[in-house]
Amino acid sequence: MIALALDSLSWVLLTAGGAFLLIGSVGILRLPDFYSRLHTAGISDTLGITLVLIGLVIQAGVSLISIKILFILVFLFFSSPTSTHLLAKGAMYRGLKPWTKSSASSDSKDDPPSNT
């Protein structure tokens, strides 16, 4: 009975993590500028991978594999937001302007937004 509950919980976590990653991928395609895309990629990546890895730890049970997965989780939990922050800071340093409503109204609806 407990094995069935753990198996079900792990599959719920794996499915939820996959859903967050899929929604984040759609957000990357749909959002208007670099900063918005970077934000959705960072948030969905961190949450989606966290849920997937926790689901894998539950599937693996108490073993050396679980410890390795937890080390990967800790590494990703710190490196993903840090790299997202550094990418945004580098883009701002290079002069990439964020999207605004005024820049959207000057662009045509058929053209993608420009970041100049």
N, C-alpha and C. Protein backbone atom coordinates (compact mmCIF):
# COMPACT_ATOMS: atom_id res chain seq x y z
N MET A 1 0.81 -1.19 0.00
CA MET A 1 0.00 0.00 0.00
C MET A 1 0.85 1.26 0.00
N ILE A 2 1.92 1.26 0.81
CA ILE A 2 2.81 2.42 0.85
C ILE A 2 3.57 2.55 -0.46
N ALA A 3 3.96 1.43 -1.05
CA ALA A 3 4.67 1.46 -2.32
C ALA A 3 3.81 2.08 -3.42
N LEU A 4 2.52 1.77 -3.41
CA LEU A 4 1.60 2.35 -4.39
C LEU A 4 1.46 3.86 -4.19
N ALA A 5 1.39 4.28 -2.94
CA ALA A 5 1.28 5.72 -2.65
C ALA A 5 2.54 6.46 -3.07
N LEU A 6 3.71 5.89 -2.79
CA LEU A 6 4.97 6.54 -3.19
C LEU A 6 5.11 6.57 -4.71
N ASP A 7 4.70 5.49 -5.36
CA ASP A 7 4.76 5.45 -6.81
C ASP A 7 3.82 6.49 -7.43
N SER A 8 2.63 6.61 -6.87
CA SER A 8 1.67 7.61 -7.37
C SER A 8 2.18 9.03 -7.14
N LEU A 9 2.74 9.28 -5.94
CA LEU A 9 3.30 10.60 -5.65
C LEU A 9 4.44 10.95 -6.59
N SER A 10 5.30 9.99 -6.86
CA SER A 10 6.41 10.27 -7.77
C SER A 10 5.92 10.58 -9.18
N TRP A 11 4.91 9.87 -9.64
CA TRP A 11 4.39 10.15 -10.97
C TRP A 11 3.68 11.49 -11.04
N VAL A 12 3.02 11.88 -9.95
CA VAL A 12 2.39 13.21 -9.92
C VAL A 12 3.47 14.28 -10.00
N LEU A 13 4.57 14.10 -9.25
CA LEU A 13 5.66 15.08 -9.29
C LEU A 13 6.33 15.12 -10.66
N LEU A 14 6.55 13.96 -11.25
CA LEU A 14 7.16 13.92 -12.58
C LEU A 14 6.27 14.60 -13.62
N THR A 15 4.98 14.35 -13.55
CA THR A 15 4.04 14.97 -14.49
C THR A 15 3.95 16.48 -14.28
N ALA A 16 3.89 16.90 -13.02
CA ALA A 16 3.83 18.34 -12.73
C ALA A 16 5.10 19.04 -13.19
N GLY A 17 6.25 18.42 -12.96
CA GLY A 17 7.51 19.00 -13.42
C GLY A 17 7.56 19.11 -14.93
N GLY A 18 7.11 18.06 -15.61
CA GLY A 18 7.05 18.11 -17.07
C GLY A 18 6.11 19.18 -17.58
N ALA A 19 4.99 19.37 -16.87
CA ALA A 19 4.03 20.40 -17.26
C ALA A 19 4.64 21.79 -17.09
N PHE A 20 5.34 22.02 -15.98
CA PHE A 20 5.99 23.32 -15.78
C PHE A 20 7.04 23.58 -16.85
N LEU A 21 7.80 22.57 -17.22
CA LEU A 21 8.81 22.74 -18.27
C LEU A 21 8.16 23.02 -19.62
N LEU A 22 7.04 22.36 -19.91
CA LEU A 22 6.33 22.59 -21.16
C LEU A 22 5.74 24.00 -21.20
N ILE A 23 5.12 24.43 -20.11
CA ILE A 23 4.55 25.78 -20.05
C ILE A 23 5.65 26.83 -20.17
N GLY A 24 6.78 26.58 -19.54
CA GLY A 24 7.91 27.50 -19.67
C GLY A 24 8.43 27.58 -21.10
N SER A 25 8.42 26.46 -21.80
CA SER A 25 8.86 26.45 -23.20
C SER A 25 7.92 27.27 -24.08
N VAL A 26 6.62 27.15 -23.82
CA VAL A 26 5.66 27.96 -24.57
C VAL A 26 5.85 29.44 -24.25
N GLY A 27 6.13 29.74 -22.98
CA GLY A 27 6.39 31.13 -22.59
C GLY A 27 7.61 31.71 -23.27
N ILE A 28 8.63 30.90 -23.44
CA ILE A 28 9.84 31.37 -24.13
C ILE A 28 9.51 31.75 -25.57
N LEU A 29 8.64 30.99 -26.20
CA LEU A 29 8.27 31.27 -27.59
C LEU A 29 7.32 32.46 -27.70
N ARG A 30 6.47 32.69 -26.71
CA ARG A 30 5.40 33.67 -26.83
C ARG A 30 5.73 35.05 -26.27
N LEU A 31 6.64 35.14 -25.32
CA LEU A 31 6.89 36.43 -24.67
C LEU A 31 7.69 37.37 -25.58
N PRO A 32 7.55 38.69 -25.38
CA PRO A 32 8.02 39.65 -26.37
C PRO A 32 9.51 39.96 -26.37
N ASP A 33 10.20 39.89 -25.26
CA ASP A 33 11.60 40.32 -25.29
C ASP A 33 12.50 39.37 -24.50
N PHE A 34 13.77 39.66 -24.54
CA PHE A 34 14.79 38.82 -23.93
C PHE A 34 14.58 38.66 -22.43
N TYR A 35 14.29 39.75 -21.75
CA TYR A 35 14.16 39.71 -20.30
C TYR A 35 12.95 38.90 -19.85
N SER A 36 11.84 39.04 -20.54
CA SER A 36 10.66 38.25 -20.21
C SER A 36 10.91 36.77 -20.46
N ARG A 37 11.56 36.48 -21.56
CA ARG A 37 11.87 35.08 -21.89
C ARG A 37 12.84 34.49 -20.88
N LEU A 38 13.81 35.30 -20.48
CA LEU A 38 14.79 34.83 -19.50
C LEU A 38 14.13 34.57 -18.16
N HIS A 39 13.18 35.41 -17.79
CA HIS A 39 12.48 35.23 -16.52
C HIS A 39 11.67 33.93 -16.52
N THR A 40 10.91 33.72 -17.58
CA THR A 40 10.11 32.50 -17.63
C THR A 40 10.98 31.25 -17.72
N ALA A 41 12.10 31.36 -18.41
CA ALA A 41 13.00 30.21 -18.49
C ALA A 41 13.61 29.89 -17.13
N GLY A 42 14.02 30.91 -16.40
CA GLY A 42 14.62 30.68 -15.09
C GLY A 42 13.65 30.11 -14.08
N ILE A 43 12.44 30.65 -14.05
CA ILE A 43 11.45 30.20 -13.07
C ILE A 43 10.97 28.78 -13.40
N SER A 44 10.56 28.57 -14.65
CA SER A 44 10.03 27.24 -15.00
C SER A 44 11.11 26.17 -14.96
N ASP A 45 12.33 26.55 -15.30
CA ASP A 45 13.43 25.59 -15.27
C ASP A 45 13.70 25.14 -13.84
N THR A 46 13.80 26.09 -12.93
CA THR A 46 14.10 25.74 -11.54
C THR A 46 12.99 24.91 -10.92
N LEU A 47 11.75 25.34 -11.09
CA LEU A 47 10.64 24.60 -10.48
C LEU A 47 10.40 23.26 -11.17
N GLY A 48 10.43 23.24 -12.49
CA GLY A 48 10.18 22.01 -13.23
C GLY A 48 11.23 20.94 -12.95
N ILE A 49 12.49 21.32 -12.99
CA ILE A 49 13.56 20.36 -12.73
C ILE A 49 13.53 19.89 -11.28
N THR A 50 13.19 20.80 -10.36
CA THR A 50 13.08 20.40 -8.96
C THR A 50 12.01 19.33 -8.77
N LEU A 51 10.85 19.54 -9.36
CA LEU A 51 9.77 18.55 -9.23
C LEU A 51 10.15 17.22 -9.88
N VAL A 52 10.77 17.29 -11.06
CA VAL A 52 11.18 16.05 -11.75
C VAL A 52 12.21 15.28 -10.92
N LEU A 53 13.20 15.99 -10.38
CA LEU A 53 14.24 15.30 -9.62
C LEU A 53 13.71 14.75 -8.30
N ILE A 54 12.79 15.46 -7.65
CA ILE A 54 12.20 14.91 -6.43
C ILE A 54 11.39 13.66 -6.77
N GLY A 55 10.68 13.68 -7.89
CA GLY A 55 9.96 12.48 -8.33
C GLY A 55 10.91 11.32 -8.60
N LEU A 56 12.07 11.61 -9.17
CA LEU A 56 13.05 10.55 -9.42
C LEU A 56 13.65 10.00 -8.14
N VAL A 57 13.85 10.89 -7.15
CA VAL A 57 14.36 10.43 -5.85
C VAL A 57 13.36 9.48 -5.21
N ILE A 58 12.08 9.80 -5.29
CA ILE A 58 11.06 8.91 -4.72
C ILE A 58 11.04 7.58 -5.47
N GLN A 59 11.19 7.62 -6.79
CA GLN A 59 11.23 6.38 -7.58
C GLN A 59 12.44 5.52 -7.22
N ALA A 60 13.59 6.17 -6.98
CA ALA A 60 14.82 5.42 -6.71
C ALA A 60 14.84 4.85 -5.30
N GLY A 61 14.11 5.43 -4.39
CA GLY A 61 14.13 4.95 -3.00
C GLY A 61 15.40 5.40 -2.30
N VAL A 62 15.68 4.79 -1.17
CA VAL A 62 16.87 5.13 -0.40
C VAL A 62 18.05 4.38 -1.01
N SER A 63 18.90 5.12 -1.73
CA SER A 63 20.05 4.49 -2.38
C SER A 63 21.09 5.56 -2.71
N LEU A 64 22.20 5.11 -3.24
CA LEU A 64 23.25 6.03 -3.66
C LEU A 64 22.78 6.89 -4.83
N ILE A 65 21.92 6.36 -5.65
CA ILE A 65 21.38 7.13 -6.78
C ILE A 65 20.58 8.33 -6.26
N SER A 66 19.82 8.14 -5.21
CA SER A 66 19.04 9.24 -4.63
C SER A 66 19.95 10.36 -4.13
N ILE A 67 21.04 9.98 -3.50
CA ILE A 67 21.99 10.99 -3.00
C ILE A 67 22.60 11.76 -4.16
N LYS A 68 22.94 11.07 -5.23
CA LYS A 68 23.49 11.75 -6.41
C LYS A 68 22.47 12.70 -7.03
N ILE A 69 21.22 12.27 -7.11
CA ILE A 69 20.17 13.12 -7.66
C ILE A 69 19.98 14.35 -6.77
N LEU A 70 20.05 14.18 -5.46
CA LEU A 70 19.92 15.33 -4.56
C LEU A 70 21.07 16.30 -4.71
N PHE A 71 22.28 15.81 -4.96
CA PHE A 71 23.41 16.70 -5.23
C PHE A 71 23.18 17.49 -6.53
N ILE A 72 22.67 16.82 -7.54
CA ILE A 72 22.34 17.51 -8.79
C ILE A 72 21.28 18.57 -8.55
N LEU A 73 20.28 18.24 -7.74
CA LEU A 73 19.21 19.18 -7.41
C LEU A 73 19.76 20.43 -6.71
N VAL A 74 20.64 20.24 -5.74
CA VAL A 74 21.22 21.39 -5.03
C VAL A 74 22.04 22.24 -6.00
N PHE A 75 22.83 21.59 -6.85
CA PHE A 75 23.62 22.34 -7.83
C PHE A 75 22.73 23.15 -8.76
N LEU A 76 21.69 22.55 -9.31
CA LEU A 76 20.79 23.26 -10.21
C LEU A 76 20.00 24.35 -9.50
N PHE A 77 19.65 24.10 -8.24
CA PHE A 77 18.88 25.08 -7.48
C PHE A 77 19.66 26.38 -7.31
N PHE A 78 20.99 26.30 -7.21
CA PHE A 78 21.80 27.51 -7.07
C PHE A 78 22.30 28.04 -8.41
N SER A 79 22.61 27.16 -9.35
CA SER A 79 23.22 27.63 -10.60
C SER A 79 22.21 28.24 -11.57
N SER A 80 20.99 27.75 -11.61
CA SER A 80 20.01 28.28 -12.56
C SER A 80 19.64 29.74 -12.29
N PRO A 81 19.28 30.12 -11.06
CA PRO A 81 19.00 31.54 -10.82
C PRO A 81 20.23 32.43 -10.98
N THR A 82 21.40 31.90 -10.61
CA THR A 82 22.62 32.69 -10.74
C THR A 82 22.94 32.96 -12.20
N SER A 83 22.83 31.94 -13.04
CA SER A 83 23.12 32.15 -14.46
C SER A 83 22.08 33.06 -15.11
N THR A 84 20.82 32.94 -14.70
CA THR A 84 19.78 33.83 -15.24
C THR A 84 20.08 35.28 -14.87
N HIS A 85 20.47 35.51 -13.63
CA HIS A 85 20.81 36.85 -13.18
C HIS A 85 21.99 37.41 -13.96
N LEU A 86 23.01 36.60 -14.15
CA LEU A 86 24.20 37.08 -14.87
C LEU A 86 23.90 37.35 -16.34
N LEU A 87 23.05 36.54 -16.96
CA LEU A 87 22.66 36.81 -18.35
C LEU A 87 21.90 38.12 -18.47
N ALA A 88 20.98 38.36 -17.54
CA ALA A 88 20.22 39.62 -17.56
C ALA A 88 21.13 40.81 -17.31
N LYS A 89 22.05 40.67 -16.38
CA LYS A 89 22.97 41.76 -16.08
C LYS A 89 23.89 42.04 -17.27
N GLY A 90 24.34 40.99 -17.94
CA GLY A 90 25.17 41.18 -19.13
C GLY A 90 24.41 41.84 -20.27
N ALA A 91 23.15 41.47 -20.45
CA ALA A 91 22.33 42.10 -21.49
C ALA A 91 22.09 43.56 -21.18
N MET A 92 21.85 43.89 -19.92
CA MET A 92 21.65 45.28 -19.53
C MET A 92 22.93 46.08 -19.72
N TYR A 93 24.05 45.47 -19.39
CA TYR A 93 25.35 46.12 -19.56
C TYR A 93 25.63 46.41 -21.03
N ARG A 94 25.22 45.51 -21.91
CA ARG A 94 25.44 45.69 -23.35
C ARG A 94 24.43 46.65 -23.97
N GLY A 95 23.44 47.10 -23.20
CA GLY A 95 22.51 48.11 -23.70
C GLY A 95 21.21 47.57 -24.25
N LEU A 96 20.88 46.33 -24.02
CA LEU A 96 19.62 45.77 -24.50
C LEU A 96 18.48 46.33 -23.66
N LYS A 97 17.58 47.03 -24.30
CA LYS A 97 16.48 47.69 -23.60
C LYS A 97 15.33 46.72 -23.36
N PRO A 98 14.69 46.83 -22.20
CA PRO A 98 13.51 45.99 -21.94
C PRO A 98 12.32 46.44 -22.79
N TRP A 99 11.39 45.53 -23.02
CA TRP A 99 10.18 45.81 -23.77
C TRP A 99 9.27 46.69 -22.93
N THR A 100 8.63 47.67 -23.56
CA THR A 100 7.65 48.52 -22.89
C THR A 100 6.41 48.61 -23.77
N LYS A 101 5.32 49.12 -23.19
CA LYS A 101 4.10 49.27 -23.96
C LYS A 101 4.28 50.29 -25.08
N SER A 102 5.04 51.34 -24.83
CA SER A 102 5.24 52.36 -25.86
C SER A 102 6.02 51.81 -27.05
N SER A 103 6.97 50.92 -26.79
CA SER A 103 7.70 50.32 -27.91
C SER A 103 6.82 49.34 -28.66
N ALA A 104 5.85 48.74 -27.97
CA ALA A 104 4.95 47.79 -28.62
C ALA A 104 3.95 48.51 -29.50
N SER A 105 3.51 49.70 -29.10
CA SER A 105 2.52 50.42 -29.90
C SER A 105 3.14 51.00 -31.16
N SER A 106 4.44 51.27 -31.14
CA SER A 106 5.08 51.80 -32.34
C SER A 106 5.40 50.71 -33.36
N ASP A 107 5.49 49.46 -32.90
CA ASP A 107 5.75 48.34 -33.80
C ASP A 107 4.44 47.89 -34.44
N SER A 108 4.58 47.30 -35.60
CA SER A 108 3.41 46.72 -36.27
C SER A 108 3.02 45.42 -35.55
N LYS A 109 1.78 45.03 -35.64
CA LYS A 109 1.33 43.80 -34.97
C LYS A 109 1.90 42.55 -35.62
N ASP A 110 2.29 42.64 -36.89
CA ASP A 110 2.82 41.47 -37.57
C ASP A 110 4.30 41.28 -37.35
N ASP A 111 4.99 42.35 -36.96
CA ASP A 111 6.44 42.28 -36.77
C ASP A 111 6.76 41.88 -35.33
N PRO A 112 7.83 41.12 -35.15
CA PRO A 112 8.24 40.82 -33.78
C PRO A 112 8.79 42.08 -33.14
N PRO A 113 8.76 42.18 -31.81
CA PRO A 113 9.27 43.38 -31.16
C PRO A 113 10.77 43.52 -31.37
N SER A 114 11.19 44.74 -31.53
CA SER A 114 12.62 44.99 -31.71
C SER A 114 13.23 45.40 -30.40
N ASN A 115 14.46 45.00 -30.19
CA ASN A 115 15.17 45.32 -28.95
C ASN A 115 16.30 46.31 -29.21
N THR A 116 16.06 47.25 -30.08
CA THR A 116 17.11 48.23 -30.37
C THR A 116 16.90 49.49 -29.62
